[in-house]
Amino acid sequence: MQTERKPVLLFGINPVLEKLRASPAEVWEVMLVTERRSASLRSIDQEARRRGLSVRYVEAGRLDTLAEGRNHQGVVARAAPYPYYDFADLLGDLPASPGHHWVLLLDGLNDPRNFGAVLRCAEGVGIQQVVIPKDRSVGVTPVVAKTSAGAVHHLKIYRVPNLRRAIGALKKKGYWAVGLDAGAKEGAYQRIYPEKLAVVLGSEGSGLRPMIRQECDFLVSLPMRGKVESLNVAVAGGIFLYELLRQKEQEPRIGAFGSVGREAS
C-alpha cells in the first residue's frame, strides 16, 4: 500500500459518510455546520461519535473556506490521503475459479470529475479494482471523492508506472483486454464478452493511446446516431460497464470466447 501522510479535506455528505463507513481509522476529525442539523448531518455526527472520532461544530463560513468555495453540504472531514494499493497484490488476489471478474484500467484521465463519475459507475456494477498510471493522470482528490459520491472509498485503486505492462500482466493471468474506442468498427452491443475482463477506458481528449490500443485484444465503440461524434468518457464508460452487467445477469450464454477467460500463462 502506497501512503502519503499529508492530510486531505473531504467535503460533502456522501464522501464523508462513506469514508466513515469504509475506513474510519483514516478519519481524524469531522467538522459540521452549526446553522442546520439535517438528518444526513445527524447521521454523520452519530457515525463519527460511535467510532470515537472528534466532532466539531463550526460556522458555515469556516467550512466555505476549507472547501474553497465548493459545495460542502455542511460537512468537512480531515482525513488521511487515499492509500493507493500495490499492483503486485492485485495480481496475487485475482480469482482463479470460473466466474465474472472485471478490472478497470484508465488510460490518462485528467479531469477529477470524470474520474469520480467513472469510479461511481464502476463501484455500482461491482468492480472492486481500478488501475491508473502514476504519471499524466489525475489521482484521488477531494473533488474525485465528492463526484464519486464516496464510491472511491469502497474501491482499491492501483497506480502503475506502465499501464501497457499492467494490461499484459492481466492477460497472462487469463484476462481478455477490451478497450472502449470511439473509432472501433465493432459495436459494443455486438459482442458477448468473456467472464474475465480488463476493461480499458481512454483519456478525455485523445482516447486510448496507440500502444494501449495495440495491447487490447479487441476494441469496441458505442453506436452514435446523432450528429456528435463521441460521448464524454464518464458517460461512455458508464454505458459500457452497465452493458457488461446486463450480459452478466442474463441467462448464461456461450460466446466466441466461451464462458470463462483465456487460459492463464
Protein backbone atom coordinates (compact mmCIF):
# COMPACT_ATOMS: atom_id res chain seq x y z
CA MET A 1 0.00 0.00 0.00
CA GLN A 2 1.38 3.39 -1.04
CA THR A 3 0.66 6.03 1.60
CA GLU A 4 1.25 9.77 1.94
CA ARG A 5 0.78 11.35 5.35
CA LYS A 6 -0.22 14.90 4.42
CA PRO A 7 -3.90 15.23 5.42
CA VAL A 8 -6.65 15.96 2.92
CA LEU A 9 -10.03 17.60 3.41
CA LEU A 10 -13.09 15.65 2.31
CA PHE A 11 -16.29 17.61 1.80
CA GLY A 12 -19.88 16.62 1.14
CA ILE A 13 -22.31 14.29 2.87
CA ASN A 14 -21.77 11.11 0.83
CA PRO A 15 -17.95 11.30 0.61
CA VAL A 16 -17.58 11.83 4.36
CA LEU A 17 -20.22 9.27 5.36
CA GLU A 18 -18.81 6.58 3.05
CA LYS A 19 -15.29 7.27 4.31
CA LEU A 20 -16.52 6.83 7.89
CA ARG A 21 -18.14 3.53 6.96
CA ALA A 22 -15.27 2.17 4.88
CA SER A 23 -12.15 3.45 6.66
CA PRO A 24 -12.94 5.19 9.96
CA ALA A 25 -9.36 4.84 11.19
CA GLU A 26 -8.28 7.18 8.37
CA VAL A 27 -10.61 10.00 9.52
CA TRP A 28 -9.03 12.36 12.02
CA GLU A 29 -11.72 14.99 12.55
CA VAL A 30 -15.24 15.80 11.38
CA MET A 31 -16.46 19.40 11.20
CA LEU A 32 -20.19 20.09 10.91
CA VAL A 33 -22.00 23.36 10.30
CA THR A 34 -23.74 24.88 13.32
CA GLU A 35 -26.55 26.55 11.39
CA ARG A 36 -28.53 23.46 10.40
CA ARG A 37 -28.97 19.91 11.62
CA SER A 38 -30.36 17.82 8.76
CA ALA A 39 -30.97 14.10 9.11
CA SER A 40 -27.92 13.39 6.95
CA LEU A 41 -25.66 15.56 9.08
CA ARG A 42 -27.02 13.94 12.24
CA SER A 43 -26.17 10.54 10.74
CA ILE A 44 -22.58 11.69 10.18
CA ASP A 45 -22.39 13.03 13.74
CA GLN A 46 -23.65 9.72 15.15
CA GLU A 47 -21.39 7.60 12.94
CA ALA A 48 -18.30 9.63 13.87
CA ARG A 49 -19.04 9.63 17.60
CA ARG A 50 -19.83 5.92 17.55
CA ARG A 51 -16.33 5.35 16.24
CA GLY A 52 -14.75 7.64 18.82
CA LEU A 53 -13.79 10.40 16.40
CA SER A 54 -13.51 14.10 17.08
CA VAL A 55 -16.61 16.05 16.01
CA ARG A 56 -16.61 19.84 15.96
CA TYR A 57 -19.36 22.30 15.05
CA VAL A 58 -18.20 25.42 13.20
CA GLU A 59 -19.69 28.37 11.34
CA ALA A 60 -20.63 27.94 7.68
CA GLY A 61 -18.02 30.49 6.66
CA ARG A 62 -15.27 28.31 8.12
CA LEU A 63 -16.43 25.34 6.04
CA ASP A 64 -16.69 27.55 2.96
CA THR A 65 -13.05 28.49 3.42
CA LEU A 66 -11.89 24.92 3.99
CA ALA A 67 -13.81 23.63 0.95
CA GLU A 68 -12.51 26.54 -1.15
CA GLY A 69 -15.99 27.58 -2.19
CA ARG A 70 -17.13 24.10 -3.26
CA ASN A 71 -20.47 22.67 -2.16
CA HIS A 72 -19.62 21.06 1.18
CA GLN A 73 -23.27 20.39 2.20
CA GLY A 74 -22.44 21.33 5.77
CA VAL A 75 -19.62 18.89 6.48
CA VAL A 76 -15.85 18.74 6.04
CA ALA A 77 -13.59 15.97 7.35
CA ARG A 78 -9.86 15.97 7.89
CA ALA A 79 -8.54 12.57 6.79
CA ALA A 80 -5.54 10.60 5.65
CA PRO A 81 -4.89 10.72 1.89
CA TYR A 82 -6.11 7.85 -0.22
CA PRO A 83 -3.90 4.75 0.34
CA TYR A 84 -3.04 3.53 -3.16
CA TYR A 85 -2.56 -0.24 -3.42
CA ASP A 86 0.28 -2.26 -4.91
CA PHE A 87 -0.42 -3.79 -8.31
CA ALA A 88 1.50 -6.95 -7.39
CA ASP A 89 -1.11 -7.59 -4.70
CA LEU A 90 -3.89 -7.28 -7.27
CA LEU A 91 -2.27 -9.96 -9.43
CA GLY A 92 -1.99 -12.22 -6.40
CA ASP A 93 -5.61 -11.67 -5.38
CA LEU A 94 -7.26 -12.39 -8.74
CA PRO A 95 -9.81 -15.21 -8.51
CA ALA A 96 -8.68 -18.48 -10.07
CA SER A 97 -12.14 -20.06 -10.19
CA PRO A 98 -14.59 -19.52 -13.07
CA GLY A 99 -16.92 -16.56 -12.79
CA HIS A 100 -17.21 -12.95 -13.80
CA HIS A 101 -14.47 -10.61 -12.67
CA TRP A 102 -13.61 -7.25 -14.15
CA VAL A 103 -10.66 -4.93 -13.58
CA LEU A 104 -10.97 -1.35 -14.80
CA LEU A 105 -7.94 0.45 -16.27
CA LEU A 106 -7.97 4.17 -17.07
CA ASP A 107 -5.53 5.50 -19.64
CA GLY A 108 -4.71 9.01 -18.51
CA LEU A 109 -7.89 10.67 -17.26
CA ASN A 110 -7.11 14.24 -16.21
CA ASP A 111 -10.45 15.68 -15.11
CA PRO A 112 -11.22 14.81 -11.47
CA ARG A 113 -14.96 14.99 -12.12
CA ASN A 114 -14.73 12.49 -14.96
CA PHE A 115 -12.58 10.26 -12.78
CA GLY A 116 -15.07 10.44 -9.92
CA ALA A 117 -18.03 9.75 -12.19
CA VAL A 118 -16.31 6.71 -13.70
CA LEU A 119 -15.49 5.39 -10.22
CA ARG A 120 -19.10 5.79 -9.16
CA CYS A 121 -20.28 3.71 -12.13
CA ALA A 122 -17.53 1.13 -11.61
CA GLU A 123 -18.47 0.58 -7.98
CA GLY A 124 -22.12 0.47 -8.99
CA VAL A 125 -21.61 -2.54 -11.29
CA GLY A 126 -19.49 -4.37 -8.72
CA ILE A 127 -15.95 -3.58 -9.85
CA GLN A 128 -13.53 -3.53 -6.93
CA GLN A 129 -10.15 -2.81 -8.58
CA VAL A 130 -9.14 0.19 -10.68
CA VAL A 131 -5.70 0.73 -12.23
CA ILE A 132 -4.36 4.16 -13.22
CA PRO A 133 -0.96 5.44 -14.41
CA LYS A 134 1.31 7.17 -11.91
CA ASP A 135 2.10 9.93 -14.40
CA ARG A 136 -0.11 12.09 -16.63
CA SER A 137 -3.25 11.07 -14.77
CA VAL A 138 -5.39 12.59 -12.06
CA GLY A 139 -5.20 10.86 -8.69
CA VAL A 140 -7.71 10.58 -5.88
CA THR A 141 -8.55 14.09 -4.68
CA PRO A 142 -11.38 15.55 -2.57
CA VAL A 143 -13.13 16.54 -5.82
CA VAL A 144 -12.87 12.94 -7.05
CA ALA A 145 -14.31 11.69 -3.76
CA LYS A 146 -17.18 14.20 -3.97
CA THR A 147 -18.02 13.41 -7.60
CA SER A 148 -17.91 9.68 -6.92
CA ALA A 149 -20.43 10.17 -4.08
CA GLY A 150 -17.98 8.38 -1.81
CA ALA A 151 -17.69 5.31 -4.04
CA VAL A 152 -13.91 5.76 -4.16
CA HIS A 153 -13.71 4.71 -0.51
CA HIS A 154 -15.05 1.25 -1.41
CA LEU A 155 -12.57 0.66 -4.25
CA LYS A 156 -8.96 -0.42 -4.42
CA ILE A 157 -7.03 1.87 -6.74
CA TYR A 158 -3.60 0.90 -8.03
CA ARG A 159 -1.05 3.27 -9.57
CA VAL A 160 1.39 1.72 -12.03
CA PRO A 161 4.40 3.16 -13.91
CA ASN A 162 3.41 1.43 -17.16
CA LEU A 163 -0.24 0.80 -17.99
CA ARG A 164 0.56 -1.32 -21.05
CA ARG A 165 2.58 -3.74 -18.93
CA ALA A 166 -0.24 -3.87 -16.40
CA ILE A 167 -2.65 -4.92 -19.15
CA GLY A 168 -0.15 -7.54 -20.32
CA ALA A 169 0.18 -8.89 -16.78
CA LEU A 170 -3.59 -9.27 -16.50
CA LYS A 171 -3.70 -11.07 -19.85
CA LYS A 172 -1.11 -13.54 -18.57
CA LYS A 173 -3.49 -14.21 -15.68
CA GLY A 174 -6.22 -15.23 -18.10
CA TYR A 175 -7.97 -11.91 -18.68
CA TRP A 176 -9.10 -10.52 -22.02
CA ALA A 177 -8.44 -6.81 -22.58
CA VAL A 178 -11.28 -4.82 -24.14
CA GLY A 179 -10.80 -1.17 -24.99
CA LEU A 180 -13.63 1.29 -25.48
CA ASP A 181 -12.60 3.34 -28.50
CA ALA A 182 -14.75 5.77 -30.49
CA GLY A 183 -13.05 4.74 -33.74
CA ALA A 184 -13.57 1.00 -33.35
CA LYS A 185 -15.59 -0.66 -36.10
CA GLU A 186 -17.18 -3.27 -33.84
CA GLY A 187 -20.12 -2.08 -31.75
CA ALA A 188 -20.11 -2.68 -28.01
CA TYR A 189 -23.51 -4.39 -28.23
CA GLN A 190 -22.44 -6.83 -30.95
CA ARG A 191 -20.17 -8.94 -28.77
CA ILE A 192 -20.71 -11.44 -25.98
CA TYR A 193 -17.90 -10.81 -23.53
CA PRO A 194 -15.80 -13.37 -21.66
CA GLU A 195 -16.07 -13.53 -17.89
CA LYS A 196 -12.56 -12.35 -17.08
CA LEU A 197 -12.11 -8.83 -18.45
CA ALA A 198 -9.64 -5.98 -18.23
CA VAL A 199 -11.77 -3.01 -19.27
CA VAL A 200 -9.75 -0.07 -20.62
CA LEU A 201 -11.03 3.50 -20.99
CA GLY A 202 -9.08 6.34 -22.59
CA SER A 203 -8.48 9.98 -21.76
CA GLU A 204 -10.95 12.81 -22.30
CA GLY A 205 -9.27 14.36 -25.32
CA SER A 206 -7.42 11.69 -27.28
CA GLY A 207 -8.94 8.43 -26.05
CA LEU A 208 -6.71 5.38 -25.88
CA ARG A 209 -3.06 5.84 -26.76
CA PRO A 210 -1.86 3.77 -29.77
CA MET A 211 0.28 1.49 -27.60
CA ILE A 212 -2.70 0.78 -25.35
CA ARG A 213 -4.97 0.06 -28.31
CA GLN A 214 -2.40 -2.41 -29.60
CA GLU A 215 -2.31 -4.19 -26.25
CA CYS A 216 -6.09 -4.69 -26.19
CA ASP A 217 -7.44 -7.98 -27.54
CA PHE A 218 -10.38 -6.19 -29.11
CA LEU A 219 -11.77 -2.68 -29.39
CA VAL A 220 -15.43 -1.72 -29.36
CA SER A 221 -17.36 1.52 -29.73
CA LEU A 222 -20.77 2.80 -28.71
CA PRO A 223 -23.26 3.48 -31.53
CA MET A 224 -23.74 7.17 -32.30
CA ARG A 225 -26.94 8.02 -34.16
CA GLY A 226 -26.88 11.79 -33.80
CA LYS A 227 -24.58 14.50 -35.11
CA VAL A 228 -21.93 14.46 -32.35
CA GLU A 229 -19.04 12.06 -32.85
CA SER A 230 -18.49 10.77 -29.32
CA LEU A 231 -19.57 10.85 -25.69
CA ASN A 232 -17.86 12.08 -22.56
CA VAL A 233 -15.60 9.33 -21.18
CA ALA A 234 -17.58 9.09 -17.94
CA VAL A 235 -20.88 8.73 -19.82
CA ALA A 236 -19.46 6.26 -22.35
CA GLY A 237 -17.71 4.25 -19.66
CA GLY A 238 -20.87 4.04 -17.58
CA ILE A 239 -22.94 2.84 -20.53
CA PHE A 240 -20.40 0.17 -21.39
CA LEU A 241 -19.99 -1.06 -17.82
CA TYR A 242 -23.72 -1.48 -17.48
CA GLU A 243 -23.82 -3.39 -20.78
CA LEU A 244 -21.35 -5.81 -19.20
CA LEU A 245 -23.58 -6.07 -16.14
CA ARG A 246 -26.63 -6.67 -18.33
CA GLN A 247 -24.90 -9.56 -20.07
CA LYS A 248 -23.71 -10.98 -16.77
CA GLU A 249 -27.20 -11.02 -15.29
CA GLN A 250 -28.88 -12.56 -18.32
CA GLU A 251 -29.23 -16.29 -18.80
CA PRO A 252 -25.82 -17.94 -19.35
CA ARG A 253 -24.71 -17.78 -22.97
CA ILE A 254 -21.60 -19.06 -24.66
CA GLY A 255 -19.90 -16.59 -26.97
CA ALA A 256 -16.86 -16.66 -29.18
CA PHE A 257 -14.61 -16.83 -26.14
CA GLY A 258 -16.60 -19.41 -24.18
CA SER A 259 -17.92 -18.87 -20.68
CA VAL A 260 -14.61 -18.16 -18.96
CA GLY A 261 -11.44 -16.17 -19.53
CA ARG A 262 -8.43 -17.06 -21.62
CA GLU A 263 -6.01 -19.69 -20.37
CA ALA A 264 -3.56 -18.15 -17.92
CA SER A 265 0.10 -18.36 -18.85
